[in-house]
Amino acid sequence: MLQRNPAALNWLKIVQANYDWKEKRGPDFMARGWESKQVELQMEEGREKQTAAADESSADDKKANREKQNLLLSRAYIQHQMESSSNSRYTESLKKALEEIERKLADLTSNG
């Protein structure tokens, strides 16, 4: 049957050549492709560790930025309330709140 089908005969020759090649190399032989895949995996793991560290620091930066934006919005709201207030006690309370916000903003900028 193989003599009649040249494609099957070619395939058989390729399989035999591949088998002979593996036999010559021995059981401990590792193909080059495997080594390069190992190196690629190690490089990828290294990149993932760097990305995780960058995400960690950027998460802290994002948190600080959100806190600063919240304080700025609160400050603008309190200033608006102070301008429109006619009650002196309420205005005094707003001034204390504004001082507290200013202190927190100063702490944020000195730490960042």
N, C-alpha and C. Protein backbone atom coordinates (compact mmCIF):
# COMPACT_ATOMS: atom_id res chain seq x y z
N MET A 1 0.82 -1.19 0.00
CA MET A 1 0.00 0.00 0.00
C MET A 1 0.86 1.26 0.00
N LEU A 2 1.96 1.26 0.78
CA LEU A 2 2.82 2.43 0.83
C LEU A 2 3.51 2.67 -0.52
N GLN A 3 3.75 1.58 -1.26
CA GLN A 3 4.41 1.76 -2.55
C GLN A 3 3.49 2.47 -3.53
N ARG A 4 2.20 2.30 -3.35
CA ARG A 4 1.26 2.94 -4.28
C ARG A 4 0.98 4.39 -3.92
N ASN A 5 1.11 4.75 -2.66
CA ASN A 5 0.76 6.09 -2.21
C ASN A 5 2.04 6.86 -1.87
N PRO A 6 2.49 7.74 -2.77
CA PRO A 6 3.76 8.45 -2.54
C PRO A 6 3.69 9.40 -1.35
N ALA A 7 2.52 9.99 -1.06
CA ALA A 7 2.41 10.91 0.08
C ALA A 7 2.60 10.15 1.39
N ALA A 8 2.04 8.95 1.48
CA ALA A 8 2.20 8.13 2.67
C ALA A 8 3.64 7.68 2.81
N LEU A 9 4.28 7.42 1.69
CA LEU A 9 5.69 7.00 1.73
C LEU A 9 6.56 8.15 2.23
N ASN A 10 6.30 9.37 1.77
CA ASN A 10 7.05 10.54 2.24
C ASN A 10 6.83 10.75 3.74
N TRP A 11 5.59 10.60 4.16
CA TRP A 11 5.27 10.78 5.57
C TRP A 11 6.01 9.76 6.43
N LEU A 12 6.05 8.54 5.96
CA LEU A 12 6.75 7.47 6.69
C LEU A 12 8.24 7.78 6.79
N LYS A 13 8.83 8.29 5.72
CA LYS A 13 10.25 8.64 5.74
C LYS A 13 10.52 9.76 6.75
N ILE A 14 9.63 10.74 6.82
CA ILE A 14 9.79 11.85 7.76
C ILE A 14 9.68 11.35 9.20
N VAL A 15 8.72 10.48 9.48
CA VAL A 15 8.54 9.93 10.82
C VAL A 15 9.76 9.12 11.22
N GLN A 16 10.27 8.31 10.31
CA GLN A 16 11.44 7.50 10.62
C GLN A 16 12.67 8.38 10.87
N ALA A 17 12.84 9.41 10.08
CA ALA A 17 13.98 10.32 10.25
C ALA A 17 13.88 11.03 11.60
N ASN A 18 12.69 11.44 11.96
CA ASN A 18 12.47 12.11 13.24
C ASN A 18 12.77 11.16 14.40
N TYR A 19 12.33 9.94 14.28
CA TYR A 19 12.57 8.94 15.31
C TYR A 19 14.06 8.66 15.45
N ASP A 20 14.75 8.50 14.31
CA ASP A 20 16.19 8.25 14.33
C ASP A 20 16.93 9.42 14.98
N TRP A 21 16.51 10.61 14.67
CA TRP A 21 17.15 11.81 15.22
C TRP A 21 16.99 11.84 16.74
N LYS A 22 15.81 11.52 17.25
CA LYS A 22 15.57 11.50 18.70
C LYS A 22 16.40 10.40 19.37
N GLU A 23 16.54 9.26 18.70
CA GLU A 23 17.31 8.16 19.26
C GLU A 23 18.79 8.55 19.39
N LYS A 24 19.30 9.29 18.43
CA LYS A 24 20.70 9.71 18.46
C LYS A 24 20.96 10.70 19.59
N ARG A 25 19.98 11.54 19.89
CA ARG A 25 20.15 12.56 20.93
C ARG A 25 20.11 11.98 22.34
N GLY A 26 19.40 10.93 22.55
CA GLY A 26 19.33 10.30 23.87
C GLY A 26 18.11 10.77 24.65
N PRO A 27 17.83 10.12 25.78
CA PRO A 27 16.62 10.42 26.55
C PRO A 27 16.69 11.74 27.32
N ASP A 28 17.89 12.25 27.58
CA ASP A 28 18.03 13.49 28.37
C ASP A 28 18.05 14.75 27.51
N PHE A 29 17.89 14.59 26.22
CA PHE A 29 17.95 15.74 25.32
C PHE A 29 16.71 16.61 25.47
N MET A 30 16.94 17.92 25.54
CA MET A 30 15.84 18.86 25.60
C MET A 30 15.90 19.76 24.37
N ALA A 31 14.81 19.90 23.69
CA ALA A 31 14.78 20.71 22.49
C ALA A 31 15.02 22.18 22.82
N ARG A 32 15.54 22.93 21.88
CA ARG A 32 15.80 24.35 22.06
C ARG A 32 14.53 25.14 22.37
N GLY A 33 13.47 24.79 21.73
CA GLY A 33 12.22 25.51 21.93
C GLY A 33 11.78 25.50 23.37
N TRP A 34 12.02 24.41 24.06
CA TRP A 34 11.63 24.30 25.47
C TRP A 34 12.43 25.29 26.31
N GLU A 35 13.74 25.38 26.04
CA GLU A 35 14.58 26.31 26.79
C GLU A 35 14.13 27.74 26.57
N SER A 36 13.84 28.10 25.34
CA SER A 36 13.43 29.48 25.07
C SER A 36 12.08 29.78 25.71
N LYS A 37 11.21 28.79 25.80
CA LYS A 37 9.92 29.00 26.47
C LYS A 37 10.12 29.22 27.96
N GLN A 38 11.07 28.50 28.55
CA GLN A 38 11.37 28.70 29.97
C GLN A 38 11.87 30.12 30.21
N VAL A 39 12.77 30.58 29.35
CA VAL A 39 13.30 31.93 29.47
C VAL A 39 12.16 32.94 29.31
N GLU A 40 11.31 32.70 28.34
CA GLU A 40 10.18 33.58 28.11
C GLU A 40 9.27 33.64 29.33
N LEU A 41 9.00 32.50 29.96
CA LEU A 41 8.18 32.46 31.17
C LEU A 41 8.83 33.23 32.31
N GLN A 42 10.14 33.08 32.46
CA GLN A 42 10.83 33.81 33.51
C GLN A 42 10.77 35.31 33.28
N MET A 43 10.92 35.72 32.03
CA MET A 43 10.85 37.15 31.72
C MET A 43 9.44 37.68 31.99
N GLU A 44 8.43 36.90 31.63
CA GLU A 44 7.06 37.31 31.85
C GLU A 44 6.75 37.44 33.35
N GLU A 45 7.25 36.50 34.14
CA GLU A 45 7.06 36.57 35.59
C GLU A 45 7.73 37.82 36.16
N GLY A 46 8.89 38.15 35.65
CA GLY A 46 9.58 39.37 36.08
C GLY A 46 8.78 40.61 35.75
N ARG A 47 8.22 40.66 34.55
CA ARG A 47 7.39 41.80 34.16
C ARG A 47 6.15 41.91 35.04
N GLU A 48 5.55 40.75 35.37
CA GLU A 48 4.36 40.76 36.22
C GLU A 48 4.68 41.31 37.61
N LYS A 49 5.85 40.95 38.14
CA LYS A 49 6.26 41.46 39.45
C LYS A 49 6.46 42.97 39.39
N GLN A 50 7.08 43.46 38.32
CA GLN A 50 7.29 44.90 38.17
C GLN A 50 5.95 45.62 38.05
N THR A 51 5.03 45.05 37.28
CA THR A 51 3.71 45.66 37.10
C THR A 51 2.96 45.69 38.41
N ALA A 52 3.06 44.62 39.19
CA ALA A 52 2.37 44.57 40.49
C ALA A 52 2.92 45.65 41.42
N ALA A 53 4.25 45.83 41.41
CA ALA A 53 4.85 46.87 42.26
C ALA A 53 4.42 48.25 41.79
N ALA A 54 4.36 48.45 40.47
CA ALA A 54 3.92 49.75 39.94
C ALA A 54 2.45 50.00 40.27
N ASP A 55 1.63 48.97 40.18
CA ASP A 55 0.21 49.12 40.52
C ASP A 55 0.04 49.46 41.99
N GLU A 56 0.87 48.86 42.83
CA GLU A 56 0.78 49.12 44.26
C GLU A 56 1.09 50.58 44.56
N SER A 57 2.16 51.11 43.97
CA SER A 57 2.51 52.50 44.23
C SER A 57 1.51 53.44 43.56
N SER A 58 1.04 53.08 42.39
CA SER A 58 0.07 53.94 41.74
C SER A 58 -1.27 53.90 42.45
N ALA A 59 -1.59 52.80 43.14
CA ALA A 59 -2.82 52.74 43.93
C ALA A 59 -2.74 53.73 45.09
N ASP A 60 -1.56 53.83 45.71
CA ASP A 60 -1.38 54.80 46.79
C ASP A 60 -1.49 56.22 46.24
N ASP A 61 -0.91 56.45 45.07
CA ASP A 61 -1.00 57.77 44.45
C ASP A 61 -2.45 58.12 44.11
N LYS A 62 -3.17 57.14 43.59
CA LYS A 62 -4.58 57.38 43.25
C LYS A 62 -5.39 57.72 44.49
N LYS A 63 -5.13 57.00 45.57
CA LYS A 63 -5.85 57.24 46.82
C LYS A 63 -5.57 58.65 47.33
N ALA A 64 -4.30 59.06 47.33
CA ALA A 64 -3.94 60.39 47.79
C ALA A 64 -4.56 61.46 46.89
N ASN A 65 -4.58 61.21 45.59
CA ASN A 65 -5.17 62.17 44.65
C ASN A 65 -6.68 62.31 44.89
N ARG A 66 -7.36 61.17 45.12
CA ARG A 66 -8.81 61.21 45.41
C ARG A 66 -9.09 61.99 46.68
N GLU A 67 -8.27 61.74 47.70
CA GLU A 67 -8.46 62.43 48.97
C GLU A 67 -8.26 63.94 48.80
N LYS A 68 -7.25 64.31 48.02
CA LYS A 68 -7.00 65.74 47.77
C LYS A 68 -8.17 66.37 47.03
N GLN A 69 -8.68 65.69 46.01
CA GLN A 69 -9.83 66.21 45.26
C GLN A 69 -11.06 66.37 46.15
N ASN A 70 -11.28 65.40 47.04
CA ASN A 70 -12.41 65.49 47.96
C ASN A 70 -12.26 66.69 48.90
N LEU A 71 -11.04 66.90 49.38
CA LEU A 71 -10.81 68.04 50.26
C LEU A 71 -11.00 69.37 49.52
N LEU A 72 -10.56 69.42 48.29
CA LEU A 72 -10.73 70.66 47.51
C LEU A 72 -12.21 70.94 47.25
N LEU A 73 -12.98 69.90 46.96
CA LEU A 73 -14.42 70.09 46.76
C LEU A 73 -15.09 70.54 48.06
N SER A 74 -14.70 69.94 49.17
CA SER A 74 -15.26 70.34 50.46
C SER A 74 -14.92 71.77 50.78
N ARG A 75 -13.70 72.16 50.49
CA ARG A 75 -13.28 73.55 50.75
C ARG A 75 -14.10 74.52 49.91
N ALA A 76 -14.30 74.20 48.65
CA ALA A 76 -15.10 75.09 47.79
C ALA A 76 -16.54 75.18 48.30
N TYR A 77 -17.10 74.06 48.75
CA TYR A 77 -18.46 74.05 49.26
C TYR A 77 -18.57 74.90 50.53
N ILE A 78 -17.62 74.73 51.44
CA ILE A 78 -17.65 75.50 52.70
C ILE A 78 -17.48 76.99 52.42
N GLN A 79 -16.60 77.34 51.49
CA GLN A 79 -16.43 78.76 51.15
C GLN A 79 -17.73 79.34 50.60
N HIS A 80 -18.40 78.58 49.79
CA HIS A 80 -19.69 79.03 49.24
C HIS A 80 -20.71 79.20 50.36
N GLN A 81 -20.75 78.24 51.29
CA GLN A 81 -21.68 78.33 52.42
C GLN A 81 -21.36 79.54 53.30
N MET A 82 -20.09 79.84 53.48
CA MET A 82 -19.70 81.00 54.30
C MET A 82 -20.15 82.30 53.65
N GLU A 83 -20.04 82.38 52.34
CA GLU A 83 -20.45 83.59 51.62
C GLU A 83 -21.96 83.82 51.73
N SER A 84 -22.72 82.76 51.73
CA SER A 84 -24.18 82.90 51.73
C SER A 84 -24.80 82.82 53.13
N SER A 85 -23.98 82.63 54.15
CA SER A 85 -24.52 82.48 55.50
C SER A 85 -24.74 83.84 56.15
N SER A 86 -25.85 83.96 56.90
CA SER A 86 -26.12 85.18 57.67
C SER A 86 -26.04 84.91 59.17
N ASN A 87 -25.90 83.67 59.56
CA ASN A 87 -25.82 83.28 60.97
C ASN A 87 -24.35 83.26 61.39
N SER A 88 -24.00 84.06 62.40
CA SER A 88 -22.60 84.18 62.82
C SER A 88 -22.08 82.88 63.44
N ARG A 89 -22.90 82.16 64.17
CA ARG A 89 -22.45 80.89 64.76
C ARG A 89 -22.16 79.85 63.68
N TYR A 90 -23.02 79.82 62.70
CA TYR A 90 -22.82 78.88 61.60
C TYR A 90 -21.56 79.24 60.82
N THR A 91 -21.34 80.55 60.63
CA THR A 91 -20.15 81.00 59.91
C THR A 91 -18.89 80.63 60.69
N GLU A 92 -18.95 80.77 62.01
CA GLU A 92 -17.81 80.40 62.85
C GLU A 92 -17.52 78.89 62.74
N SER A 93 -18.56 78.10 62.74
CA SER A 93 -18.41 76.65 62.58
C SER A 93 -17.79 76.32 61.22
N LEU A 94 -18.24 77.02 60.19
CA LEU A 94 -17.68 76.80 58.85
C LEU A 94 -16.21 77.20 58.80
N LYS A 95 -15.83 78.26 59.49
CA LYS A 95 -14.42 78.69 59.52
C LYS A 95 -13.54 77.60 60.14
N LYS A 96 -14.03 76.98 61.23
CA LYS A 96 -13.27 75.90 61.87
C LYS A 96 -13.13 74.70 60.93
N ALA A 97 -14.22 74.39 60.23
CA ALA A 97 -14.17 73.29 59.26
C ALA A 97 -13.19 73.61 58.13
N LEU A 98 -13.20 74.87 57.69
CA LEU A 98 -12.29 75.29 56.62
C LEU A 98 -10.83 75.20 57.09
N GLU A 99 -10.56 75.59 58.33
CA GLU A 99 -9.21 75.48 58.86
C GLU A 99 -8.75 74.02 58.91
N GLU A 100 -9.67 73.13 59.30
CA GLU A 100 -9.35 71.71 59.36
C GLU A 100 -9.04 71.17 57.95
N ILE A 101 -9.81 71.57 56.98
CA ILE A 101 -9.57 71.13 55.60
C ILE A 101 -8.24 71.66 55.10
N GLU A 102 -7.94 72.92 55.41
CA GLU A 102 -6.66 73.50 54.99
C GLU A 102 -5.49 72.75 55.64
N ARG A 103 -5.65 72.35 56.91
CA ARG A 103 -4.61 71.60 57.60
C ARG A 103 -4.40 70.24 56.93
N LYS A 104 -5.51 69.56 56.59
CA LYS A 104 -5.39 68.26 55.93
C LYS A 104 -4.75 68.39 54.56
N LEU A 105 -5.10 69.43 53.82
CA LEU A 105 -4.47 69.67 52.51
C LEU A 105 -2.98 69.91 52.65
N ALA A 106 -2.59 70.69 53.66
CA ALA A 106 -1.17 70.96 53.89
C ALA A 106 -0.43 69.65 54.22
N ASP A 107 -1.06 68.80 55.04
CA ASP A 107 -0.44 67.51 55.37
C ASP A 107 -0.28 66.65 54.13
N LEU A 108 -1.29 66.65 53.28
CA LEU A 108 -1.23 65.85 52.05
C LEU A 108 -0.11 66.32 51.14
N THR A 109 0.01 67.63 50.96
CA THR A 109 1.04 68.15 50.06
C THR A 109 2.44 67.98 50.63
N SER A 110 2.57 68.03 51.98
CA SER A 110 3.90 67.85 52.57
C SER A 110 4.32 66.38 52.53
N ASN A 111 3.36 65.45 52.62
CA ASN A 111 3.69 64.02 52.55
C ASN A 111 3.91 63.57 51.12
N GLY A 112 3.25 64.17 50.15
CA GLY A 112 3.33 63.72 48.77
C GLY A 112 4.41 64.38 48.04
